Amino acid sequence: VPLEEAFDWSKYPSKKVVATGYTAGVEST
């Protein structure tokens, strides 16, 4: 079972976000 289904996440506050990915390299930092 994936982590997303292993716990009841609905008991935690949620927030809608825009998420991007980054690295430690020159292209990001």
Full PDB file with SEQRES, HELIX, SHEET, SSBOND, CRYST1, ORIGX, SCALE, CONECT and MASTER records, all heavy atoms in Angstrom:
SEQRES   1 A   29  VAL PRO LEU GLU GLU ALA PHE ASP TRP SER LYS TYR PRO          
SEQRES   2 A   29  SER LYS LYS VAL VAL ALA THR GLY TYR THR ALA GLY VAL          
SEQRES   3 A   29  GLU SER THR                                                  
HELIX    1 AA1 LEU A    3  ALA A    6  1                                   4    
HELIX    2 AA2 TRP A    9  LYS A   11  5                                   3    
CRYST1    1.000    1.000    1.000  90.00  90.00  90.00 P 1           1          
ORIGX1      1.000000  0.000000  0.000000        0.00000                         
ORIGX2      0.000000  1.000000  0.000000        0.00000                         
ORIGX3      0.000000  0.000000  1.000000        0.00000                         
SCALE1      1.000000  0.000000  0.000000        0.00000                         
SCALE2      0.000000  1.000000  0.000000        0.00000                         
SCALE3      0.000000  0.000000  1.000000        0.00000                         
ATOM      1  N   VAL A   1       0.850  -1.185   0.000  1.00  0.00           N  
ATOM      2  CA  VAL A   1       0.000   0.000   0.000  1.00  0.00           C  
ATOM      3  C   VAL A   1       0.889   1.240   0.000  1.00  0.00           C  
ATOM      4  O   VAL A   1       1.803   1.346   0.813  1.00  0.00           O  
ATOM      5  CB  VAL A   1      -0.913   0.025   1.250  1.00  0.00           C  
ATOM      6  CG1 VAL A   1      -1.712   1.319   1.304  1.00  0.00           C  
ATOM      7  CG2 VAL A   1      -1.843  -1.168   1.239  1.00  0.00           C  
ATOM      8  N   PRO A   2       0.668   2.185  -0.915  1.00  0.00           N  
ATOM      9  CA  PRO A   2       1.491   3.399  -0.946  1.00  0.00           C  
ATOM     10  C   PRO A   2       1.269   4.248   0.297  1.00  0.00           C  
ATOM     11  O   PRO A   2       0.229   4.139   0.964  1.00  0.00           O  
ATOM     12  CB  PRO A   2       1.022   4.115  -2.215  1.00  0.00           C  
ATOM     13  CG  PRO A   2      -0.353   3.595  -2.467  1.00  0.00           C  
ATOM     14  CD  PRO A   2      -0.344   2.170  -1.988  1.00  0.00           C  
ATOM     15  N   LEU A   3       2.240   5.087   0.592  1.00  0.00           N  
ATOM     16  CA  LEU A   3       2.174   5.943   1.767  1.00  0.00           C  
ATOM     17  C   LEU A   3       0.922   6.818   1.756  1.00  0.00           C  
ATOM     18  O   LEU A   3       0.345   7.116   2.804  1.00  0.00           O  
ATOM     19  CB  LEU A   3       3.429   6.826   1.829  1.00  0.00           C  
ATOM     20  CG  LEU A   3       3.756   7.519   3.155  1.00  0.00           C  
ATOM     21  CD1 LEU A   3       3.815   6.529   4.301  1.00  0.00           C  
ATOM     22  CD2 LEU A   3       5.077   8.268   3.036  1.00  0.00           C  
ATOM     23  N   GLU A   4       0.489   7.209   0.562  1.00  0.00           N  
ATOM     24  CA  GLU A   4      -0.705   8.046   0.438  1.00  0.00           C  
ATOM     25  C   GLU A   4      -1.948   7.362   0.999  1.00  0.00           C  
ATOM     26  O   GLU A   4      -2.882   8.025   1.448  1.00  0.00           O  
ATOM     27  CB  GLU A   4      -0.958   8.399  -1.040  1.00  0.00           C  
ATOM     28  CG  GLU A   4      -0.047   9.472  -1.593  1.00  0.00           C  
ATOM     29  CD  GLU A   4       1.329   8.946  -1.964  1.00  0.00           C  
ATOM     30  OE1 GLU A   4       1.603   7.740  -1.766  1.00  0.00           O  
ATOM     31  OE2 GLU A   4       2.157   9.745  -2.451  1.00  0.00           O  
ATOM     32  N   GLU A   5      -1.960   6.025   0.982  1.00  0.00           N  
ATOM     33  CA  GLU A   5      -3.133   5.279   1.428  1.00  0.00           C  
ATOM     34  C   GLU A   5      -2.934   4.606   2.779  1.00  0.00           C  
ATOM     35  O   GLU A   5      -3.866   4.007   3.320  1.00  0.00           O  
ATOM     36  CB  GLU A   5      -3.492   4.211   0.384  1.00  0.00           C  
ATOM     37  CG  GLU A   5      -3.832   4.781  -0.986  1.00  0.00           C  
ATOM     38  CD  GLU A   5      -4.074   3.687  -2.012  1.00  0.00           C  
ATOM     39  OE1 GLU A   5      -4.271   2.526  -1.600  1.00  0.00           O  
ATOM     40  OE2 GLU A   5      -4.069   3.988  -3.216  1.00  0.00           O  
ATOM     41  N   ALA A   6      -1.730   4.712   3.330  1.00  0.00           N  
ATOM     42  CA  ALA A   6      -1.426   4.005   4.573  1.00  0.00           C  
ATOM     43  C   ALA A   6      -1.954   4.727   5.808  1.00  0.00           C  
ATOM     44  O   ALA A   6      -2.124   4.114   6.863  1.00  0.00           O  
ATOM     45  CB  ALA A   6       0.085   3.813   4.705  1.00  0.00           C  
ATOM     46  N   PHE A   7      -2.218   6.020   5.700  1.00  0.00           N  
ATOM     47  CA  PHE A   7      -2.687   6.798   6.832  1.00  0.00           C  
ATOM     48  C   PHE A   7      -3.893   7.638   6.436  1.00  0.00           C  
ATOM     49  O   PHE A   7      -4.137   7.886   5.255  1.00  0.00           O  
ATOM     50  CB  PHE A   7      -1.569   7.727   7.349  1.00  0.00           C  
ATOM     51  CG  PHE A   7      -0.328   6.992   7.787  1.00  0.00           C  
ATOM     52  CD1 PHE A   7       0.763   6.887   6.939  1.00  0.00           C  
ATOM     53  CD2 PHE A   7      -0.257   6.392   9.034  1.00  0.00           C  
ATOM     54  CE1 PHE A   7       1.911   6.214   7.323  1.00  0.00           C  
ATOM     55  CE2 PHE A   7       0.875   5.707   9.431  1.00  0.00           C  
ATOM     56  CZ  PHE A   7       1.963   5.617   8.578  1.00  0.00           C  
ATOM     57  N   ASP A   8      -4.630   8.075   7.431  1.00  0.00           N  
ATOM     58  CA  ASP A   8      -5.788   8.932   7.197  1.00  0.00           C  
ATOM     59  C   ASP A   8      -5.314  10.386   7.191  1.00  0.00           C  
ATOM     60  O   ASP A   8      -5.277  11.047   8.225  1.00  0.00           O  
ATOM     61  CB  ASP A   8      -6.835   8.712   8.288  1.00  0.00           C  
ATOM     62  CG  ASP A   8      -8.072   9.577   8.073  1.00  0.00           C  
ATOM     63  OD1 ASP A   8      -8.210  10.163   6.981  1.00  0.00           O  
ATOM     64  OD2 ASP A   8      -8.897   9.668   9.009  1.00  0.00           O  
ATOM     65  N   TRP A   9      -4.969  10.875   6.014  1.00  0.00           N  
ATOM     66  CA  TRP A   9      -4.430  12.228   5.912  1.00  0.00           C  
ATOM     67  C   TRP A   9      -5.498  13.292   6.125  1.00  0.00           C  
ATOM     68  O   TRP A   9      -5.178  14.458   6.381  1.00  0.00           O  
ATOM     69  CB  TRP A   9      -3.760  12.425   4.544  1.00  0.00           C  
ATOM     70  CG  TRP A   9      -2.621  11.489   4.346  1.00  0.00           C  
ATOM     71  CD1 TRP A   9      -2.566  10.411   3.518  1.00  0.00           C  
ATOM     72  CD2 TRP A   9      -1.362  11.508   5.038  1.00  0.00           C  
ATOM     73  NE1 TRP A   9      -1.366   9.759   3.640  1.00  0.00           N  
ATOM     74  CE2 TRP A   9      -0.605  10.409   4.565  1.00  0.00           C  
ATOM     75  CE3 TRP A   9      -0.820  12.342   6.010  1.00  0.00           C  
ATOM     76  CZ2 TRP A   9       0.666  10.138   5.031  1.00  0.00           C  
ATOM     77  CZ3 TRP A   9       0.456  12.062   6.473  1.00  0.00           C  
ATOM     78  CH2 TRP A   9       1.178  10.970   5.981  1.00  0.00           C  
ATOM     79  N   SER A  10      -6.755  12.917   6.052  1.00  0.00           N  
ATOM     80  CA  SER A  10      -7.834  13.901   6.206  1.00  0.00           C  
ATOM     81  C   SER A  10      -7.884  14.502   7.604  1.00  0.00           C  
ATOM     82  O   SER A  10      -8.515  15.536   7.822  1.00  0.00           O  
ATOM     83  CB  SER A  10      -9.185  13.264   5.875  1.00  0.00           C  
ATOM     84  OG  SER A  10      -9.505  12.236   6.798  1.00  0.00           O  
ATOM     85  N   LYS A  11      -7.213  13.870   8.553  1.00  0.00           N  
ATOM     86  CA  LYS A  11      -7.230  14.414   9.914  1.00  0.00           C  
ATOM     87  C   LYS A  11      -6.256  15.587  10.068  1.00  0.00           C  
ATOM     88  O   LYS A  11      -6.253  16.258  11.092  1.00  0.00           O  
ATOM     89  CB  LYS A  11      -6.902  13.325  10.926  1.00  0.00           C  
ATOM     90  CG  LYS A  11      -5.473  12.816  10.882  1.00  0.00           C  
ATOM     91  CD  LYS A  11      -5.261  11.726  11.922  1.00  0.00           C  
ATOM     92  CE  LYS A  11      -3.825  11.215  11.908  1.00  0.00           C  
ATOM     93  NZ  LYS A  11      -3.601  10.170  12.923  1.00  0.00           N  
ATOM     94  N   TYR A  12      -5.425  15.816   9.052  1.00  0.00           N  
ATOM     95  CA  TYR A  12      -4.476  16.932   9.087  1.00  0.00           C  
ATOM     96  C   TYR A  12      -5.012  18.112   8.269  1.00  0.00           C  
ATOM     97  O   TYR A  12      -5.707  17.920   7.277  1.00  0.00           O  
ATOM     98  CB  TYR A  12      -3.125  16.499   8.511  1.00  0.00           C  
ATOM     99  CG  TYR A  12      -2.439  15.408   9.283  1.00  0.00           C  
ATOM    100  CD1 TYR A  12      -2.440  14.096   8.817  1.00  0.00           C  
ATOM    101  CD2 TYR A  12      -1.798  15.678  10.489  1.00  0.00           C  
ATOM    102  CE1 TYR A  12      -1.824  13.080   9.528  1.00  0.00           C  
ATOM    103  CE2 TYR A  12      -1.169  14.676  11.203  1.00  0.00           C  
ATOM    104  CZ  TYR A  12      -1.183  13.378  10.724  1.00  0.00           C  
ATOM    105  OH  TYR A  12      -0.573  12.376  11.434  1.00  0.00           O  
ATOM    106  N   PRO A  13      -4.654  19.337   8.680  1.00  0.00           N  
ATOM    107  CA  PRO A  13      -5.048  20.501   7.868  1.00  0.00           C  
ATOM    108  C   PRO A  13      -4.398  20.411   6.493  1.00  0.00           C  
ATOM    109  O   PRO A  13      -3.263  19.943   6.371  1.00  0.00           O  
ATOM    110  CB  PRO A  13      -4.483  21.694   8.655  1.00  0.00           C  
ATOM    111  CG  PRO A  13      -4.182  21.179  10.020  1.00  0.00           C  
ATOM    112  CD  PRO A  13      -3.897  19.721   9.877  1.00  0.00           C  
ATOM    113  N   SER A  14      -5.108  20.842   5.478  1.00  0.00           N  
ATOM    114  CA  SER A  14      -4.546  20.797   4.130  1.00  0.00           C  
ATOM    115  C   SER A  14      -4.478  22.201   3.544  1.00  0.00           C  
ATOM    116  O   SER A  14      -5.204  23.105   3.965  1.00  0.00           O  
ATOM    117  CB  SER A  14      -5.391  19.899   3.224  1.00  0.00           C  
ATOM    118  OG  SER A  14      -6.692  20.423   3.057  1.00  0.00           O  
ATOM    119  N   LYS A  15      -3.581  22.372   2.587  1.00  0.00           N  
ATOM    120  CA  LYS A  15      -3.434  23.665   1.901  1.00  0.00           C  
ATOM    121  C   LYS A  15      -3.094  23.403   0.439  1.00  0.00           C  
ATOM    122  O   LYS A  15      -2.238  22.576   0.144  1.00  0.00           O  
ATOM    123  CB  LYS A  15      -2.360  24.519   2.569  1.00  0.00           C  
ATOM    124  CG  LYS A  15      -2.260  25.933   1.997  1.00  0.00           C  
ATOM    125  CD  LYS A  15      -1.225  26.744   2.738  1.00  0.00           C  
ATOM    126  CE  LYS A  15      -1.697  27.168   4.124  1.00  0.00           C  
ATOM    127  NZ  LYS A  15      -2.804  28.173   4.053  1.00  0.00           N  
ATOM    128  N   LYS A  16      -3.770  24.110  -0.436  1.00  0.00           N  
ATOM    129  CA  LYS A  16      -3.502  23.960  -1.865  1.00  0.00           C  
ATOM    130  C   LYS A  16      -2.276  24.800  -2.226  1.00  0.00           C  
ATOM    131  O   LYS A  16      -2.205  25.981  -1.895  1.00  0.00           O  
ATOM    132  CB  LYS A  16      -4.714  24.387  -2.695  1.00  0.00           C  
ATOM    133  CG  LYS A  16      -4.573  24.065  -4.189  1.00  0.00           C  
ATOM    134  CD  LYS A  16      -5.863  24.330  -4.933  1.00  0.00           C  
ATOM    135  CE  LYS A  16      -6.948  23.372  -4.517  1.00  0.00           C  
ATOM    136  NZ  LYS A  16      -6.676  21.983  -4.949  1.00  0.00           N  
ATOM    137  N   VAL A  17      -1.331  24.177  -2.888  1.00  0.00           N  
ATOM    138  CA  VAL A  17      -0.089  24.855  -3.243  1.00  0.00           C  
ATOM    139  C   VAL A  17       0.278  24.562  -4.691  1.00  0.00           C  
ATOM    140  O   VAL A  17      -0.252  23.637  -5.301  1.00  0.00           O  
ATOM    141  CB  VAL A  17       1.084  24.417  -2.332  1.00  0.00           C  
ATOM    142  CG1 VAL A  17       0.770  24.666  -0.862  1.00  0.00           C  
ATOM    143  CG2 VAL A  17       1.413  22.947  -2.576  1.00  0.00           C  
ATOM    144  N   VAL A  18       1.193  25.370  -5.195  1.00  0.00           N  
ATOM    145  CA  VAL A  18       1.836  25.086  -6.477  1.00  0.00           C  
ATOM    146  C   VAL A  18       3.249  24.634  -6.134  1.00  0.00           C  
ATOM    147  O   VAL A  18       4.011  25.371  -5.506  1.00  0.00           O  
ATOM    148  CB  VAL A  18       1.867  26.320  -7.390  1.00  0.00           C  
ATOM    149  CG1 VAL A  18       2.692  26.027  -8.639  1.00  0.00           C  
ATOM    150  CG2 VAL A  18       0.454  26.736  -7.767  1.00  0.00           C  
ATOM    151  N   ALA A  19       3.586  23.414  -6.510  1.00  0.00           N  
ATOM    152  CA  ALA A  19       4.885  22.850  -6.149  1.00  0.00           C  
ATOM    153  C   ALA A  19       5.725  22.589  -7.389  1.00  0.00           C  
ATOM    154  O   ALA A  19       5.252  22.018  -8.372  1.00  0.00           O  
ATOM    155  CB  ALA A  19       4.693  21.556  -5.369  1.00  0.00           C  
ATOM    156  N   THR A  20       6.944  23.026  -7.328  1.00  0.00           N  
ATOM    157  CA  THR A  20       7.917  22.778  -8.392  1.00  0.00           C  
ATOM    158  C   THR A  20       9.098  22.018  -7.797  1.00  0.00           C  
ATOM    159  O   THR A  20       9.205  21.860  -6.582  1.00  0.00           O  
ATOM    160  CB  THR A  20       8.414  24.101  -9.001  1.00  0.00           C  
ATOM    161  OG1 THR A  20       8.854  24.972  -7.934  1.00  0.00           O  
ATOM    162  CG2 THR A  20       7.307  24.804  -9.766  1.00  0.00           C  
ATOM    163  N   GLY A  21       9.987  21.550  -8.658  1.00  0.00           N  
ATOM    164  CA  GLY A  21      11.163  20.838  -8.186  1.00  0.00           C  
ATOM    165  C   GLY A  21      12.419  21.677  -8.372  1.00  0.00           C  
ATOM    166  O   GLY A  21      12.477  22.549  -9.245  1.00  0.00           O  
ATOM    167  N   TYR A  22      13.396  21.441  -7.505  1.00  0.00           N  
ATOM    168  CA  TYR A  22      14.672  22.157  -7.647  1.00  0.00           C  
ATOM    169  C   TYR A  22      15.825  21.258  -7.235  1.00  0.00           C  
ATOM    170  O   TYR A  22      15.625  20.207  -6.618  1.00  0.00           O  
ATOM    171  CB  TYR A  22      14.665  23.449  -6.822  1.00  0.00           C  
ATOM    172  CG  TYR A  22      15.004  23.288  -5.356  1.00  0.00           C  
ATOM    173  CD1 TYR A  22      16.238  23.696  -4.848  1.00  0.00           C  
ATOM    174  CD2 TYR A  22      14.085  22.734  -4.449  1.00  0.00           C  
ATOM    175  CE1 TYR A  22      16.544  23.563  -3.510  1.00  0.00           C  
ATOM    176  CE2 TYR A  22      14.384  22.611  -3.107  1.00  0.00           C  
ATOM    177  CZ  TYR A  22      15.630  23.014  -2.638  1.00  0.00           C  
ATOM    178  OH  TYR A  22      15.928  22.874  -1.302  1.00  0.00           O  
ATOM    179  N   THR A  23      17.030  21.670  -7.605  1.00  0.00           N  
ATOM    180  CA  THR A  23      18.249  20.951  -7.222  1.00  0.00           C  
ATOM    181  C   THR A  23      19.163  21.914  -6.481  1.00  0.00           C  
ATOM    182  O   THR A  23      18.862  23.099  -6.337  1.00  0.00           O  
ATOM    183  CB  THR A  23      18.993  20.403  -8.452  1.00  0.00           C  
ATOM    184  OG1 THR A  23      19.558  21.515  -9.174  1.00  0.00           O  
ATOM    185  CG2 THR A  23      18.060  19.616  -9.358  1.00  0.00           C  
ATOM    186  N   ALA A  24      20.286  21.395  -6.028  1.00  0.00           N  
ATOM    187  CA  ALA A  24      21.264  22.251  -5.351  1.00  0.00           C  
ATOM    188  C   ALA A  24      22.193  22.931  -6.342  1.00  0.00           C  
ATOM    189  O   ALA A  24      23.037  23.752  -5.961  1.00  0.00           O  
ATOM    190  CB  ALA A  24      22.090  21.412  -4.367  1.00  0.00           C  
ATOM    191  N   GLY A  25      22.049  22.618  -7.625  1.00  0.00           N  
ATOM    192  CA  GLY A  25      22.978  23.104  -8.632  1.00  0.00           C  
ATOM    193  C   GLY A  25      22.730  24.512  -9.126  1.00  0.00           C  
ATOM    194  O   GLY A  25      21.814  25.221  -8.699  1.00  0.00           O  
ATOM    195  N   VAL A  26      23.561  24.911 -10.083  1.00  0.00           N  
ATOM    196  CA  VAL A  26      23.534  26.254 -10.658  1.00  0.00           C  
ATOM    197  C   VAL A  26      22.180  26.570 -11.264  1.00  0.00           C  
ATOM    198  O   VAL A  26      21.686  27.703 -11.161  1.00  0.00           O  
ATOM    199  CB  VAL A  26      24.644  26.402 -11.727  1.00  0.00           C  
ATOM    200  CG1 VAL A  26      24.560  27.760 -12.413  1.00  0.00           C  
ATOM    201  CG2 VAL A  26      26.027  26.202 -11.107  1.00  0.00           C  
ATOM    202  N   GLU A  27      21.559  25.609 -11.901  1.00  0.00           N  
ATOM    203  CA  GLU A  27      20.286  25.831 -12.568  1.00  0.00           C  
ATOM    204  C   GLU A  27      19.182  26.288 -11.615  1.00  0.00           C  
ATOM    205  O   GLU A  27      18.230  26.948 -12.029  1.00  0.00           O  
ATOM    206  CB  GLU A  27      19.828  24.558 -13.305  1.00  0.00           C  
ATOM    207  CG  GLU A  27      19.557  23.346 -12.429  1.00  0.00           C  
ATOM    208  CD  GLU A  27      20.822  22.641 -11.973  1.00  0.00           C  
ATOM    209  OE1 GLU A  27      21.878  22.858 -12.594  1.00  0.00           O  
ATOM    210  OE2 GLU A  27      20.733  21.882 -10.992  1.00  0.00           O  
ATOM    211  N   SER A  28      19.309  25.957 -10.306  1.00  0.00           N  
ATOM    212  CA  SER A  28      18.283  26.330  -9.337  1.00  0.00           C  
ATOM    213  C   SER A  28      18.763  27.369  -8.332  1.00  0.00           C  
ATOM    214  O   SER A  28      18.001  28.251  -7.924  1.00  0.00           O  
ATOM    215  CB  SER A  28      17.791  25.093  -8.568  1.00  0.00           C  
ATOM    216  OG  SER A  28      17.156  24.167  -9.409  1.00  0.00           O  
ATOM    217  N   THR A  29      20.019  27.258  -7.920  1.00  0.00           N  
ATOM    218  CA  THR A  29      20.513  28.126  -6.838  1.00  0.00           C  
ATOM    219  C   THR A  29      21.587  29.106  -7.297  1.00  0.00           C  
ATOM    220  O   THR A  29      21.935  30.030  -6.546  1.00  0.00           O  
ATOM    221  CB  THR A  29      21.095  27.271  -5.693  1.00  0.00           C  
ATOM    222  OG1 THR A  29      22.254  26.577  -6.167  1.00  0.00           O  
ATOM    223  CG2 THR A  29      20.075  26.264  -5.195  1.00  0.00           C  
TER     224      THR A  29                                                      
MASTER        0    0    0    2    0    0    0    6  223    1    0    3          
END                                                                             
